[in-house]
Amino acid sequence: QTVQLLETAIAARNKESLKSAVKKAADMTPPFEHALIGTATELVARIEKEEEVIAGLKKAMAARDRAQLVELLTQATEMELEADEVRQGEALKLRLEEEEATIDSI
């Protein structure tokens, strides 16, 4: 039952379900040990990092902060993160670079 709960949470990539499943396994007596617990814990950490990068991208896009965009887009690329915010950030970065080039050429 716990293994099925872990498998379902991992497949759904649902952070709260993953945390709940890991907690349930840890609260068992004796604590339930399975490779899926490590997988679930790693996935929670990844999802939290993705959320952090996406939130940063939203903030950098709102501020039109090219340096911050470059840094966050680099992190997104390293993580192989695919999200609308990444595509929007890449488009804005290009636009900001074009605007800077136009200003420099004047």
N, C-alpha and C. Protein backbone atom coordinates (compact mmCIF):
# COMPACT_ATOMS: atom_id res chain seq x y z
N GLN A 1 0.82 -1.19 0.00
CA GLN A 1 0.00 0.00 0.00
C GLN A 1 0.87 1.26 0.00
N THR A 2 1.90 1.30 0.83
CA THR A 2 2.80 2.45 0.88
C THR A 2 3.58 2.58 -0.42
N VAL A 3 4.00 1.45 -0.97
CA VAL A 3 4.72 1.47 -2.25
C VAL A 3 3.82 2.04 -3.34
N GLN A 4 2.57 1.62 -3.37
CA GLN A 4 1.63 2.12 -4.36
C GLN A 4 1.42 3.63 -4.19
N LEU A 5 1.33 4.09 -2.96
CA LEU A 5 1.17 5.51 -2.68
C LEU A 5 2.38 6.29 -3.19
N LEU A 6 3.57 5.76 -2.95
CA LEU A 6 4.79 6.40 -3.44
C LEU A 6 4.83 6.42 -4.97
N GLU A 7 4.50 5.29 -5.58
CA GLU A 7 4.51 5.21 -7.06
C GLU A 7 3.54 6.22 -7.66
N THR A 8 2.35 6.33 -7.10
CA THR A 8 1.34 7.25 -7.61
C THR A 8 1.81 8.69 -7.46
N ALA A 9 2.37 9.03 -6.30
CA ALA A 9 2.84 10.39 -6.05
C ALA A 9 4.00 10.76 -6.98
N ILE A 10 4.89 9.80 -7.23
CA ILE A 10 6.03 10.04 -8.13
C ILE A 10 5.52 10.25 -9.55
N ALA A 11 4.60 9.42 -9.99
CA ALA A 11 4.06 9.54 -11.35
C ALA A 11 3.35 10.88 -11.55
N ALA A 12 2.66 11.34 -10.51
CA ALA A 12 1.90 12.59 -10.61
C ALA A 12 2.78 13.83 -10.42
N ARG A 13 3.98 13.65 -9.90
CA ARG A 13 4.89 14.78 -9.59
C ARG A 13 4.18 15.82 -8.72
N ASN A 14 3.41 15.34 -7.75
CA ASN A 14 2.68 16.22 -6.86
C ASN A 14 3.46 16.34 -5.55
N LYS A 15 3.97 17.54 -5.29
CA LYS A 15 4.86 17.75 -4.15
C LYS A 15 4.20 17.37 -2.83
N GLU A 16 2.97 17.79 -2.62
CA GLU A 16 2.31 17.50 -1.35
C GLU A 16 2.04 16.01 -1.19
N SER A 17 1.66 15.34 -2.26
CA SER A 17 1.45 13.88 -2.19
C SER A 17 2.75 13.16 -1.91
N LEU A 18 3.83 13.64 -2.51
CA LEU A 18 5.14 13.04 -2.27
C LEU A 18 5.55 13.19 -0.81
N LYS A 19 5.40 14.40 -0.29
CA LYS A 19 5.75 14.64 1.11
C LYS A 19 4.91 13.77 2.04
N SER A 20 3.63 13.67 1.73
CA SER A 20 2.72 12.87 2.55
C SER A 20 3.12 11.39 2.53
N ALA A 21 3.45 10.89 1.34
CA ALA A 21 3.83 9.48 1.22
C ALA A 21 5.13 9.20 1.97
N VAL A 22 6.09 10.11 1.87
CA VAL A 22 7.37 9.93 2.57
C VAL A 22 7.14 9.97 4.08
N LYS A 23 6.31 10.90 4.54
CA LYS A 23 6.01 11.00 5.97
C LYS A 23 5.31 9.75 6.47
N LYS A 24 4.37 9.25 5.67
CA LYS A 24 3.65 8.03 6.07
C LYS A 24 4.63 6.87 6.24
N ALA A 25 5.56 6.76 5.30
CA ALA A 25 6.55 5.68 5.38
C ALA A 25 7.44 5.85 6.60
N ALA A 26 7.84 7.09 6.91
CA ALA A 26 8.71 7.35 8.05
C ALA A 26 7.99 7.13 9.38
N ASP A 27 6.68 7.37 9.39
CA ASP A 27 5.90 7.23 10.63
C ASP A 27 5.55 5.79 10.97
N MET A 28 5.79 4.87 10.05
CA MET A 28 5.47 3.46 10.31
C MET A 28 6.44 2.90 11.37
N THR A 29 5.99 1.88 12.08
CA THR A 29 6.85 1.24 13.07
C THR A 29 7.06 -0.20 12.68
N PRO A 30 8.28 -0.62 12.36
CA PRO A 30 9.45 0.24 12.16
C PRO A 30 9.29 1.07 10.89
N PRO A 31 10.10 2.13 10.75
CA PRO A 31 9.97 2.96 9.54
C PRO A 31 10.12 2.12 8.27
N PHE A 32 9.26 2.39 7.31
CA PHE A 32 9.27 1.66 6.04
C PHE A 32 10.44 2.14 5.22
N GLU A 33 11.25 1.22 4.72
CA GLU A 33 12.40 1.58 3.90
C GLU A 33 12.23 0.98 2.52
N HIS A 34 12.41 1.82 1.52
CA HIS A 34 12.27 1.37 0.13
C HIS A 34 13.01 2.37 -0.75
N ALA A 35 13.51 1.91 -1.88
CA ALA A 35 14.23 2.80 -2.80
C ALA A 35 13.35 3.95 -3.28
N LEU A 36 12.05 3.71 -3.34
CA LEU A 36 11.14 4.76 -3.81
C LEU A 36 11.10 5.95 -2.86
N ILE A 37 11.42 5.75 -1.59
CA ILE A 37 11.44 6.86 -0.63
C ILE A 37 12.53 7.85 -1.03
N GLY A 38 13.69 7.34 -1.39
CA GLY A 38 14.78 8.21 -1.86
C GLY A 38 14.40 8.92 -3.14
N THR A 39 13.77 8.20 -4.04
CA THR A 39 13.33 8.80 -5.30
C THR A 39 12.32 9.91 -5.03
N ALA A 40 11.39 9.65 -4.14
CA ALA A 40 10.36 10.65 -3.81
C ALA A 40 10.98 11.87 -3.14
N THR A 41 11.92 11.66 -2.24
CA THR A 41 12.59 12.77 -1.55
C THR A 41 13.38 13.63 -2.54
N GLU A 42 14.09 12.98 -3.46
CA GLU A 42 14.83 13.71 -4.49
C GLU A 42 13.89 14.49 -5.39
N LEU A 43 12.75 13.91 -5.71
CA LEU A 43 11.78 14.57 -6.58
C LEU A 43 11.19 15.80 -5.89
N VAL A 44 10.94 15.71 -4.60
CA VAL A 44 10.45 16.87 -3.85
C VAL A 44 11.48 18.00 -3.93
N ALA A 45 12.75 17.67 -3.72
CA ALA A 45 13.80 18.68 -3.79
C ALA A 45 13.87 19.30 -5.19
N ARG A 46 13.73 18.48 -6.21
CA ARG A 46 13.75 19.00 -7.58
C ARG A 46 12.56 19.92 -7.84
N ILE A 47 11.38 19.51 -7.43
CA ILE A 47 10.19 20.32 -7.64
C ILE A 47 10.34 21.66 -6.92
N GLU A 48 10.87 21.64 -5.71
CA GLU A 48 11.06 22.88 -4.97
C GLU A 48 12.07 23.79 -5.67
N LYS A 49 13.12 23.21 -6.23
CA LYS A 49 14.12 24.01 -6.98
C LYS A 49 13.47 24.57 -8.25
N GLU A 50 12.67 23.77 -8.93
CA GLU A 50 11.96 24.25 -10.12
C GLU A 50 11.05 25.43 -9.76
N GLU A 51 10.33 25.29 -8.65
CA GLU A 51 9.44 26.37 -8.21
C GLU A 51 10.23 27.64 -7.91
N GLU A 52 11.40 27.47 -7.32
CA GLU A 52 12.27 28.60 -6.99
C GLU A 52 12.75 29.30 -8.27
N VAL A 53 13.17 28.53 -9.25
CA VAL A 53 13.65 29.10 -10.51
C VAL A 53 12.50 29.80 -11.24
N ILE A 54 11.35 29.17 -11.29
CA ILE A 54 10.19 29.77 -11.97
C ILE A 54 9.77 31.07 -11.29
N ALA A 55 9.74 31.08 -9.96
CA ALA A 55 9.40 32.31 -9.23
C ALA A 55 10.42 33.40 -9.51
N GLY A 56 11.69 33.02 -9.56
CA GLY A 56 12.75 33.98 -9.88
C GLY A 56 12.61 34.53 -11.28
N LEU A 57 12.26 33.65 -12.23
CA LEU A 57 12.06 34.10 -13.60
C LEU A 57 10.91 35.10 -13.70
N LYS A 58 9.82 34.82 -13.01
CA LYS A 58 8.68 35.74 -13.02
C LYS A 58 9.10 37.11 -12.50
N LYS A 59 9.84 37.10 -11.40
CA LYS A 59 10.29 38.35 -10.80
C LYS A 59 11.26 39.09 -11.74
N ALA A 60 12.20 38.36 -12.32
CA ALA A 60 13.18 38.98 -13.23
C ALA A 60 12.50 39.52 -14.48
N MET A 61 11.49 38.80 -14.99
CA MET A 61 10.77 39.29 -16.17
C MET A 61 9.99 40.56 -15.83
N ALA A 62 9.36 40.59 -14.68
CA ALA A 62 8.59 41.77 -14.28
C ALA A 62 9.51 42.98 -14.14
N ALA A 63 10.74 42.74 -13.65
CA ALA A 63 11.71 43.83 -13.46
C ALA A 63 12.53 44.10 -14.73
N ARG A 64 12.36 43.25 -15.74
CA ARG A 64 13.16 43.34 -16.98
C ARG A 64 14.66 43.35 -16.66
N ASP A 65 15.03 42.47 -15.75
CA ASP A 65 16.41 42.36 -15.26
C ASP A 65 17.15 41.30 -16.09
N ARG A 66 17.90 41.76 -17.09
CA ARG A 66 18.56 40.83 -18.00
C ARG A 66 19.59 39.96 -17.30
N ALA A 67 20.37 40.54 -16.40
CA ALA A 67 21.40 39.76 -15.70
C ALA A 67 20.76 38.62 -14.89
N GLN A 68 19.68 38.93 -14.21
CA GLN A 68 18.99 37.90 -13.42
C GLN A 68 18.37 36.85 -14.34
N LEU A 69 17.81 37.31 -15.47
CA LEU A 69 17.24 36.37 -16.44
C LEU A 69 18.30 35.39 -16.93
N VAL A 70 19.47 35.92 -17.28
CA VAL A 70 20.55 35.07 -17.78
C VAL A 70 20.92 34.02 -16.74
N GLU A 71 21.06 34.44 -15.49
CA GLU A 71 21.44 33.50 -14.42
C GLU A 71 20.38 32.41 -14.23
N LEU A 72 19.12 32.83 -14.18
CA LEU A 72 18.04 31.86 -13.96
C LEU A 72 17.83 30.96 -15.17
N LEU A 73 17.97 31.50 -16.36
CA LEU A 73 17.83 30.67 -17.56
C LEU A 73 18.96 29.64 -17.64
N THR A 74 20.14 30.01 -17.18
CA THR A 74 21.25 29.05 -17.12
C THR A 74 20.90 27.91 -16.16
N GLN A 75 20.35 28.26 -15.00
CA GLN A 75 19.94 27.22 -14.05
C GLN A 75 18.85 26.33 -14.66
N ALA A 76 17.89 26.96 -15.34
CA ALA A 76 16.80 26.18 -15.96
C ALA A 76 17.36 25.22 -17.00
N THR A 77 18.34 25.67 -17.78
CA THR A 77 18.94 24.82 -18.81
C THR A 77 19.68 23.66 -18.16
N GLU A 78 20.45 23.96 -17.10
CA GLU A 78 21.18 22.90 -16.40
C GLU A 78 20.24 21.86 -15.82
N MET A 79 19.06 22.30 -15.39
CA MET A 79 18.06 21.39 -14.80
C MET A 79 17.21 20.72 -15.87
N GLU A 80 17.36 21.15 -17.12
CA GLU A 80 16.50 20.70 -18.22
C GLU A 80 15.04 20.99 -17.88
N LEU A 81 14.82 22.17 -17.31
CA LEU A 81 13.48 22.60 -16.91
C LEU A 81 12.72 23.12 -18.13
N GLU A 82 11.55 22.56 -18.34
CA GLU A 82 10.69 23.00 -19.43
C GLU A 82 9.43 23.60 -18.82
N ALA A 83 9.25 24.90 -19.04
CA ALA A 83 8.08 25.59 -18.51
C ALA A 83 7.83 26.83 -19.36
N ASP A 84 6.61 27.29 -19.34
CA ASP A 84 6.27 28.50 -20.09
C ASP A 84 7.14 29.67 -19.66
N GLU A 85 7.41 29.76 -18.37
CA GLU A 85 8.22 30.87 -17.86
C GLU A 85 9.63 30.84 -18.44
N VAL A 86 10.16 29.66 -18.70
CA VAL A 86 11.49 29.56 -19.30
C VAL A 86 11.45 30.10 -20.73
N ARG A 87 10.44 29.70 -21.49
CA ARG A 87 10.31 30.18 -22.87
C ARG A 87 10.07 31.70 -22.90
N GLN A 88 9.24 32.18 -21.99
CA GLN A 88 8.97 33.62 -21.92
C GLN A 88 10.24 34.38 -21.51
N GLY A 89 10.99 33.83 -20.58
CA GLY A 89 12.24 34.45 -20.14
C GLY A 89 13.26 34.52 -21.26
N GLU A 90 13.34 33.43 -22.05
CA GLU A 90 14.27 33.43 -23.18
C GLU A 90 13.87 34.49 -24.21
N ALA A 91 12.59 34.60 -24.47
CA ALA A 91 12.11 35.61 -25.44
C ALA A 91 12.40 37.02 -24.93
N LEU A 92 12.16 37.26 -23.66
CA LEU A 92 12.41 38.59 -23.09
C LEU A 92 13.90 38.90 -23.10
N LYS A 93 14.72 37.91 -22.78
CA LYS A 93 16.18 38.12 -22.80
C LYS A 93 16.63 38.56 -24.18
N LEU A 94 16.14 37.89 -25.22
CA LEU A 94 16.49 38.28 -26.59
C LEU A 94 16.03 39.69 -26.90
N ARG A 95 14.82 40.00 -26.48
CA ARG A 95 14.29 41.34 -26.74
C ARG A 95 15.12 42.41 -26.03
N LEU A 96 15.49 42.15 -24.78
CA LEU A 96 16.31 43.10 -24.04
C LEU A 96 17.68 43.27 -24.69
N GLU A 97 18.24 42.18 -25.20
CA GLU A 97 19.53 42.27 -25.89
C GLU A 97 19.40 43.09 -27.17
N GLU A 98 18.28 42.89 -27.90
CA GLU A 98 18.04 43.67 -29.12
C GLU A 98 17.87 45.15 -28.78
N GLU A 99 17.16 45.44 -27.69
CA GLU A 99 16.97 46.83 -27.28
C GLU A 99 18.31 47.47 -26.91
N GLU A 100 19.14 46.73 -26.19
CA GLU A 100 20.47 47.26 -25.82
C GLU A 100 21.32 47.50 -27.05
N ALA A 101 21.26 46.59 -28.02
CA ALA A 101 22.04 46.76 -29.25
C ALA A 101 21.56 47.98 -30.02
N THR A 102 20.25 48.19 -30.04
CA THR A 102 19.70 49.36 -30.75
C THR A 102 20.14 50.64 -30.06
N ILE A 103 20.09 50.67 -28.75
CA ILE A 103 20.50 51.86 -28.00
C ILE A 103 22.00 52.13 -28.22
N ASP A 104 22.80 51.06 -28.20
CA ASP A 104 24.23 51.21 -28.41
C ASP A 104 24.56 51.72 -29.80
N SER A 105 23.73 51.41 -30.77
CA SER A 105 24.02 51.82 -32.15
C SER A 105 23.60 53.25 -32.44
N ILE A 106 22.88 53.85 -31.51
CA ILE A 106 22.41 55.23 -31.73
C ILE A 106 23.51 56.22 -31.40
